[in-house]
């Protein structure tokens, strides 16, 4: 079997804030999944990736096992890990859950209110997504986009809800995010963050939930 390879930066080249080799490996693999560098249905070897990163096999395998537990990879016995193929039914299920959980969470933040400091941070993240909404900056765009949406949800202070929403967003991105670039919708999607933030800061729950429903429709096939 020819081993699939992904474009990766060495562990030592990652930014500060990473706690363990497993954390760093998880970040690298997750970015490869979200950007489409790792493609659904293909099998990837933990050994091969560890060699690319210049680290031992153990933290990379642990990272890939953790991502398989989140439904992003699946174990292929004696071969490695396969990127999960999200069928239209799978994508619709994730979308329905995001409507129930993520949209509701954002609506609750609007009712709760946003402090000037939090509003400033969210504005910076919204501007960052708009600035990186280009096919050649896909990884940066995905990171800023994730930070923007999770930063909103985190204002509720419910860590379990935040983790659930993060996982649902990751699952929806496996087969959807890089298609935004192919469909020429990156800038359009990023531009929607402005109205969402404005409704959030105005405390308009009904409007922000409506805008979020429209925004999440990009995750559908």
C-alpha atoms as a PDB file:
ATOM      1  CA  UNK A   1       0.000   0.000   0.000  1.00  0.00           C
ATOM      2  CA  UNK A   2       1.303   3.422  -0.895  1.00  0.00           C
ATOM      3  CA  UNK A   3       1.213   5.574   2.221  1.00  0.00           C
ATOM      4  CA  UNK A   4      -0.726   8.796   1.992  1.00  0.00           C
ATOM      5  CA  UNK A   5       1.264  11.859   2.988  1.00  0.00           C
ATOM      6  CA  UNK A   6       0.119  15.256   4.174  1.00  0.00           C
ATOM      7  CA  UNK A   7       1.797  18.632   4.152  1.00  0.00           C
ATOM      8  CA  UNK A   8       2.952  19.306   7.705  1.00  0.00           C
ATOM      9  CA  UNK A   9       5.263  21.610   9.625  1.00  0.00           C
ATOM     10  CA  UNK A  10       7.671  20.068  12.083  1.00  0.00           C
ATOM     11  CA  UNK A  11       6.647  19.947  15.717  1.00  0.00           C
ATOM     12  CA  UNK A  12       9.314  22.480  16.674  1.00  0.00           C
ATOM     13  CA  UNK A  13       7.934  24.965  14.154  1.00  0.00           C
ATOM     14  CA  UNK A  14       4.544  25.258  15.849  1.00  0.00           C
ATOM     15  CA  UNK A  15       3.721  28.284  17.954  1.00  0.00           C
ATOM     16  CA  UNK A  16       3.847  28.529  21.709  1.00  0.00           C
ATOM     17  CA  UNK A  17       1.064  27.302  23.958  1.00  0.00           C
ATOM     18  CA  UNK A  18       1.264  23.616  23.031  1.00  0.00           C
ATOM     19  CA  UNK A  19       1.551  21.456  26.125  1.00  0.00           C
ATOM     20  CA  UNK A  20       2.576  18.030  24.826  1.00  0.00           C
ATOM     21  CA  UNK A  21       3.760  16.326  21.657  1.00  0.00           C
ATOM     22  CA  UNK A  22       0.331  14.697  21.470  1.00  0.00           C
ATOM     23  CA  UNK A  23      -1.345  18.119  21.585  1.00  0.00           C
ATOM     24  CA  UNK A  24       0.896  19.394  18.804  1.00  0.00           C
ATOM     25  CA  UNK A  25       0.355  16.303  16.677  1.00  0.00           C
ATOM     26  CA  UNK A  26      -3.407  16.596  17.231  1.00  0.00           C
ATOM     27  CA  UNK A  27      -3.322  20.210  16.082  1.00  0.00           C
ATOM     28  CA  UNK A  28      -1.385  19.308  12.925  1.00  0.00           C
ATOM     29  CA  UNK A  29      -3.651  16.397  11.983  1.00  0.00           C
ATOM     30  CA  UNK A  30      -6.797  18.396  12.756  1.00  0.00           C
ATOM     31  CA  UNK A  31      -5.643  21.254  10.510  1.00  0.00           C
ATOM     32  CA  UNK A  32      -4.902  18.768   7.738  1.00  0.00           C
ATOM     33  CA  UNK A  33      -8.398  17.338   8.134  1.00  0.00           C
ATOM     34  CA  UNK A  34     -10.127  20.709   8.139  1.00  0.00           C
ATOM     35  CA  UNK A  35      -8.184  22.081   5.158  1.00  0.00           C
ATOM     36  CA  UNK A  36      -8.836  18.993   3.050  1.00  0.00           C
ATOM     37  CA  UNK A  37      -5.180  17.995   2.877  1.00  0.00           C
ATOM     38  CA  UNK A  38      -6.273  14.703   4.416  1.00  0.00           C
ATOM     39  CA  UNK A  39      -9.070  13.417   2.241  1.00  0.00           C
ATOM     40  CA  UNK A  40     -12.125  11.347   3.215  1.00  0.00           C
ATOM     41  CA  UNK A  41     -11.794   7.630   2.517  1.00  0.00           C
ATOM     42  CA  UNK A  42      -8.002   7.601   2.318  1.00  0.00           C
ATOM     43  CA  UNK A  43      -5.824   5.787   4.835  1.00  0.00           C
ATOM     44  CA  UNK A  44      -2.982   7.480   6.681  1.00  0.00           C
ATOM     45  CA  UNK A  45      -0.226   5.840   8.707  1.00  0.00           C
ATOM     46  CA  UNK A  46       0.674   7.118  12.171  1.00  0.00           C
ATOM     47  CA  UNK A  47       4.204   5.813  11.592  1.00  0.00           C
ATOM     48  CA  UNK A  48       4.587   7.744   8.360  1.00  0.00           C
ATOM     49  CA  UNK A  49       3.266  10.952   9.909  1.00  0.00           C
ATOM     50  CA  UNK A  50       5.551  10.545  12.923  1.00  0.00           C
ATOM     51  CA  UNK A  51       8.513  10.225  10.548  1.00  0.00           C
ATOM     52  CA  UNK A  52       7.440  13.399   8.730  1.00  0.00           C
ATOM     53  CA  UNK A  53       7.210  15.259  12.039  1.00  0.00           C
ATOM     54  CA  UNK A  54      10.482  13.870  13.331  1.00  0.00           C
ATOM     55  CA  UNK A  55       8.972  12.471  16.535  1.00  0.00           C
ATOM     56  CA  UNK A  56       8.240   9.049  17.982  1.00  0.00           C
ATOM     57  CA  UNK A  57       5.189   7.108  16.870  1.00  0.00           C
ATOM     58  CA  UNK A  58       3.464   7.119  20.281  1.00  0.00           C
ATOM     59  CA  UNK A  59       2.208  10.762  20.501  1.00  0.00           C
ATOM     60  CA  UNK A  60       1.076  10.732  16.876  1.00  0.00           C
ATOM     61  CA  UNK A  61      -0.859   7.504  17.316  1.00  0.00           C
ATOM     62  CA  UNK A  62      -2.404   8.866  20.517  1.00  0.00           C
ATOM     63  CA  UNK A  63      -3.428  12.013  18.661  1.00  0.00           C
ATOM     64  CA  UNK A  64      -5.024  10.048  15.829  1.00  0.00           C
ATOM     65  CA  UNK A  65      -6.811   7.761  18.300  1.00  0.00           C
ATOM     66  CA  UNK A  66      -8.194  10.853  20.073  1.00  0.00           C
ATOM     67  CA  UNK A  67      -9.473  12.223  16.771  1.00  0.00           C
ATOM     68  CA  UNK A  68     -11.051   8.858  15.959  1.00  0.00           C
ATOM     69  CA  UNK A  69     -12.935   9.045  19.263  1.00  0.00           C
ATOM     70  CA  UNK A  70     -14.330  12.371  18.073  1.00  0.00           C
ATOM     71  CA  UNK A  71     -15.616  10.810  14.867  1.00  0.00           C
ATOM     72  CA  UNK A  72     -13.052  12.459  12.578  1.00  0.00           C
ATOM     73  CA  UNK A  73     -10.918   9.387  11.855  1.00  0.00           C
ATOM     74  CA  UNK A  74     -11.598   5.676  11.993  1.00  0.00           C
ATOM     75  CA  UNK A  75      -9.154   2.884  12.783  1.00  0.00           C
ATOM     76  CA  UNK A  76      -8.338   0.478   9.951  1.00  0.00           C
ATOM     77  CA  UNK A  77      -6.805  -2.585  11.542  1.00  0.00           C
ATOM     78  CA  UNK A  78      -3.175  -3.239  10.574  1.00  0.00           C
ATOM     79  CA  UNK A  79      -3.236  -0.343   8.101  1.00  0.00           C
ATOM     80  CA  UNK A  80      -3.673   2.957   9.902  1.00  0.00           C
ATOM     81  CA  UNK A  81      -6.423   5.551  10.074  1.00  0.00           C
ATOM     82  CA  UNK A  82      -9.038   6.457   7.497  1.00  0.00           C
ATOM     83  CA  UNK A  83     -10.588   9.905   7.268  1.00  0.00           C
ATOM     84  CA  UNK A  84     -14.291   9.512   7.967  1.00  0.00           C
ATOM     85  CA  UNK A  85     -16.501   9.958   4.922  1.00  0.00           C
ATOM     86  CA  UNK A  86     -19.490  12.061   5.873  1.00  0.00           C
ATOM     87  CA  UNK A  87     -22.507  11.041   3.835  1.00  0.00           C
ATOM     88  CA  UNK A  88     -25.243  13.587   3.091  1.00  0.00           C
ATOM     89  CA  UNK A  89     -27.239  11.905   5.882  1.00  0.00           C
ATOM     90  CA  UNK A  90     -24.316  12.328   8.304  1.00  0.00           C
ATOM     91  CA  UNK A  91     -23.932  15.987   7.370  1.00  0.00           C
ATOM     92  CA  UNK A  92     -27.655  16.600   7.847  1.00  0.00           C
ATOM     93  CA  UNK A  93     -27.550  14.978  11.289  1.00  0.00           C
ATOM     94  CA  UNK A  94     -24.629  17.189  12.344  1.00  0.00           C
ATOM     95  CA  UNK A  95     -26.393  20.244  10.895  1.00  0.00           C
ATOM     96  CA  UNK A  96     -29.578  19.457  12.841  1.00  0.00           C
ATOM     97  CA  UNK A  97     -27.593  19.130  16.066  1.00  0.00           C
ATOM     98  CA  UNK A  98     -25.834  22.429  15.424  1.00  0.00           C
ATOM     99  CA  UNK A  99     -29.211  24.119  14.945  1.00  0.00           C
ATOM    100  CA  UNK A 100     -30.352  22.768  18.287  1.00  0.00           C
ATOM    101  CA  UNK A 101     -27.178  23.445  20.251  1.00  0.00           C
ATOM    102  CA  UNK A 102     -24.966  26.065  18.579  1.00  0.00           C
ATOM    103  CA  UNK A 103     -27.718  28.396  17.386  1.00  0.00           C
ATOM    104  CA  UNK A 104     -29.403  28.226  20.786  1.00  0.00           C
ATOM    105  CA  UNK A 105     -26.097  28.920  22.549  1.00  0.00           C
ATOM    106  CA  UNK A 106     -25.442  32.023  20.450  1.00  0.00           C
ATOM    107  CA  UNK A 107     -28.984  33.210  21.114  1.00  0.00           C
ATOM    108  CA  UNK A 108     -28.428  32.837  24.850  1.00  0.00           C
ATOM    109  CA  UNK A 109     -25.248  34.904  24.602  1.00  0.00           C
ATOM    110  CA  UNK A 110     -27.272  37.689  22.949  1.00  0.00           C
ATOM    111  CA  UNK A 111     -29.727  37.636  25.842  1.00  0.00           C
ATOM    112  CA  UNK A 112     -26.918  37.521  28.383  1.00  0.00           C
ATOM    113  CA  UNK A 113     -25.106  40.471  26.856  1.00  0.00           C
ATOM    114  CA  UNK A 114     -21.552  41.022  25.626  1.00  0.00           C
ATOM    115  CA  UNK A 115     -19.046  43.171  27.521  1.00  0.00           C
ATOM    116  CA  UNK A 116     -17.052  45.866  25.680  1.00  0.00           C
ATOM    117  CA  UNK A 117     -13.858  43.815  26.117  1.00  0.00           C
ATOM    118  CA  UNK A 118     -15.462  40.683  24.673  1.00  0.00           C
ATOM    119  CA  UNK A 119     -17.011  42.694  21.851  1.00  0.00           C
ATOM    120  CA  UNK A 120     -13.572  44.059  20.970  1.00  0.00           C
ATOM    121  CA  UNK A 121     -12.059  40.583  20.875  1.00  0.00           C
ATOM    122  CA  UNK A 122     -14.886  39.206  18.745  1.00  0.00           C
ATOM    123  CA  UNK A 123     -14.545  42.144  16.357  1.00  0.00           C
ATOM    124  CA  UNK A 124     -10.831  41.392  15.936  1.00  0.00           C
ATOM    125  CA  UNK A 125     -11.579  37.743  15.200  1.00  0.00           C
ATOM    126  CA  UNK A 126     -14.322  38.645  12.718  1.00  0.00           C
ATOM    127  CA  UNK A 127     -11.907  40.972  10.916  1.00  0.00           C
ATOM    128  CA  UNK A 128      -9.237  38.250  10.913  1.00  0.00           C
ATOM    129  CA  UNK A 129     -11.577  35.783   9.219  1.00  0.00           C
ATOM    130  CA  UNK A 130     -12.418  38.343   6.560  1.00  0.00           C
ATOM    131  CA  UNK A 131      -8.737  39.117   5.952  1.00  0.00           C
ATOM    132  CA  UNK A 132      -7.833  35.444   5.540  1.00  0.00           C
ATOM    133  CA  UNK A 133     -10.858  34.364   3.496  1.00  0.00           C
ATOM    134  CA  UNK A 134      -8.689  33.335   0.559  1.00  0.00           C
ATOM    135  CA  UNK A 135      -7.932  29.868  -0.865  1.00  0.00           C
ATOM    136  CA  UNK A 136      -4.194  30.292  -0.253  1.00  0.00           C
ATOM    137  CA  UNK A 137      -4.823  31.144   3.424  1.00  0.00           C
ATOM    138  CA  UNK A 138      -7.303  28.367   4.106  1.00  0.00           C
ATOM    139  CA  UNK A 139      -5.662  27.056   7.289  1.00  0.00           C
ATOM    140  CA  UNK A 140      -5.494  30.568   8.789  1.00  0.00           C
ATOM    141  CA  UNK A 141      -9.101  31.226   7.801  1.00  0.00           C
ATOM    142  CA  UNK A 142     -10.321  28.000   9.387  1.00  0.00           C
ATOM    143  CA  UNK A 143      -8.488  28.756  12.622  1.00  0.00           C
ATOM    144  CA  UNK A 144      -9.832  32.322  12.891  1.00  0.00           C
ATOM    145  CA  UNK A 145     -13.333  31.167  11.960  1.00  0.00           C
ATOM    146  CA  UNK A 146     -13.267  28.480  14.640  1.00  0.00           C
ATOM    147  CA  UNK A 147     -11.936  30.931  17.217  1.00  0.00           C
ATOM    148  CA  UNK A 148     -14.668  33.459  16.381  1.00  0.00           C
ATOM    149  CA  UNK A 149     -17.543  31.042  16.803  1.00  0.00           C
ATOM    150  CA  UNK A 150     -16.163  29.258  19.844  1.00  0.00           C
ATOM    151  CA  UNK A 151     -15.299  32.577  21.517  1.00  0.00           C
ATOM    152  CA  UNK A 152     -19.001  33.475  21.349  1.00  0.00           C
ATOM    153  CA  UNK A 153     -20.134  30.175  22.855  1.00  0.00           C
ATOM    154  CA  UNK A 154     -17.452  30.314  25.562  1.00  0.00           C
ATOM    155  CA  UNK A 155     -19.106  33.448  26.947  1.00  0.00           C
ATOM    156  CA  UNK A 156     -21.788  31.193  28.443  1.00  0.00           C
ATOM    157  CA  UNK A 157     -19.144  29.569  30.639  1.00  0.00           C
ATOM    158  CA  UNK A 158     -20.396  26.045  29.836  1.00  0.00           C
ATOM    159  CA  UNK A 159     -17.281  24.040  28.964  1.00  0.00           C
ATOM    160  CA  UNK A 160     -19.199  20.866  28.100  1.00  0.00           C
ATOM    161  CA  UNK A 161     -21.393  22.725  25.636  1.00  0.00           C
ATOM    162  CA  UNK A 162     -18.348  24.391  24.085  1.00  0.00           C
ATOM    163  CA  UNK A 163     -16.636  21.022  23.563  1.00  0.00           C
ATOM    164  CA  UNK A 164     -19.762  19.522  22.002  1.00  0.00           C
ATOM    165  CA  UNK A 165     -20.107  22.444  19.603  1.00  0.00           C
ATOM    166  CA  UNK A 166     -16.400  22.327  18.748  1.00  0.00           C
ATOM    167  CA  UNK A 167     -16.677  18.645  17.863  1.00  0.00           C
ATOM    168  CA  UNK A 168     -19.815  19.165  15.779  1.00  0.00           C
ATOM    169  CA  UNK A 169     -18.122  21.997  13.902  1.00  0.00           C
ATOM    170  CA  UNK A 170     -15.092  19.804  13.224  1.00  0.00           C
ATOM    171  CA  UNK A 171     -17.276  16.976  11.948  1.00  0.00           C
ATOM    172  CA  UNK A 172     -19.118  19.315   9.596  1.00  0.00           C
ATOM    173  CA  UNK A 173     -15.814  20.661   8.270  1.00  0.00           C
ATOM    174  CA  UNK A 174     -14.319  17.314   7.259  1.00  0.00           C
ATOM    175  CA  UNK A 175     -16.189  17.336   3.986  1.00  0.00           C
ATOM    176  CA  UNK A 176     -17.327  20.917   3.768  1.00  0.00           C
ATOM    177  CA  UNK A 177     -14.816  23.638   4.578  1.00  0.00           C
ATOM    178  CA  UNK A 178     -12.477  23.325   1.624  1.00  0.00           C
ATOM    179  CA  UNK A 179     -15.511  23.170  -0.659  1.00  0.00           C
ATOM    180  CA  UNK A 180     -16.264  26.765   0.356  1.00  0.00           C
ATOM    181  CA  UNK A 181     -13.131  27.824  -1.519  1.00  0.00           C
ATOM    182  CA  UNK A 182     -14.022  25.678  -4.525  1.00  0.00           C
ATOM    183  CA  UNK A 183     -17.494  27.235  -4.596  1.00  0.00           C
ATOM    184  CA  UNK A 184     -16.130  30.771  -4.173  1.00  0.00           C
ATOM    185  CA  UNK A 185     -17.975  31.256  -0.892  1.00  0.00           C
ATOM    186  CA  UNK A 186     -15.141  31.929   1.545  1.00  0.00           C
ATOM    187  CA  UNK A 187     -15.471  35.716   1.476  1.00  0.00           C
ATOM    188  CA  UNK A 188     -19.269  35.508   1.570  1.00  0.00           C
ATOM    189  CA  UNK A 189     -19.207  33.277   4.618  1.00  0.00           C
ATOM    190  CA  UNK A 190     -16.627  35.455   6.395  1.00  0.00           C
ATOM    191  CA  UNK A 191     -18.626  38.618   5.670  1.00  0.00           C
ATOM    192  CA  UNK A 192     -21.600  37.175   7.550  1.00  0.00           C
ATOM    193  CA  UNK A 193     -19.683  37.385  10.816  1.00  0.00           C
ATOM    194  CA  UNK A 194     -20.191  41.153  10.893  1.00  0.00           C
ATOM    195  CA  UNK A 195     -24.013  41.080  10.986  1.00  0.00           C
ATOM    196  CA  UNK A 196     -23.933  38.159  13.447  1.00  0.00           C
ATOM    197  CA  UNK A 197     -21.698  40.136  15.780  1.00  0.00           C
ATOM    198  CA  UNK A 198     -23.811  43.291  15.410  1.00  0.00           C
ATOM    199  CA  UNK A 199     -26.998  41.397  16.345  1.00  0.00           C
ATOM    200  CA  UNK A 200     -25.163  39.767  19.238  1.00  0.00           C
ATOM    201  CA  UNK A 201     -23.977  43.107  20.608  1.00  0.00           C
ATOM    202  CA  UNK A 202     -27.469  44.560  20.193  1.00  0.00           C
ATOM    203  CA  UNK A 203     -28.865  41.737  22.296  1.00  0.00           C
ATOM    204  CA  UNK A 204     -31.247  40.693  19.523  1.00  0.00           C
ATOM    205  CA  UNK A 205     -31.670  36.967  20.101  1.00  0.00           C
ATOM    206  CA  UNK A 206     -34.235  36.406  17.372  1.00  0.00           C
ATOM    207  CA  UNK A 207     -32.106  38.114  14.727  1.00  0.00           C
ATOM    208  CA  UNK A 208     -28.811  36.501  15.708  1.00  0.00           C
ATOM    209  CA  UNK A 209     -30.380  33.032  15.696  1.00  0.00           C
ATOM    210  CA  UNK A 210     -31.851  33.692  12.250  1.00  0.00           C
ATOM    211  CA  UNK A 211     -28.463  34.841  10.957  1.00  0.00           C
ATOM    212  CA  UNK A 212     -26.766  31.785  12.462  1.00  0.00           C
ATOM    213  CA  UNK A 213     -29.224  29.429  10.772  1.00  0.00           C
ATOM    214  CA  UNK A 214     -28.399  31.036   7.438  1.00  0.00           C
ATOM    215  CA  UNK A 215     -24.674  30.926   8.215  1.00  0.00           C
ATOM    216  CA  UNK A 216     -24.714  27.225   9.086  1.00  0.00           C
ATOM    217  CA  UNK A 217     -26.424  26.317   5.806  1.00  0.00           C
ATOM    218  CA  UNK A 218     -22.971  26.318   4.151  1.00  0.00           C
ATOM    219  CA  UNK A 219     -22.244  23.047   5.948  1.00  0.00           C
ATOM    220  CA  UNK A 220     -24.964  21.247   4.025  1.00  0.00           C
ATOM    221  CA  UNK A 221     -24.012  19.306   0.865  1.00  0.00           C
END
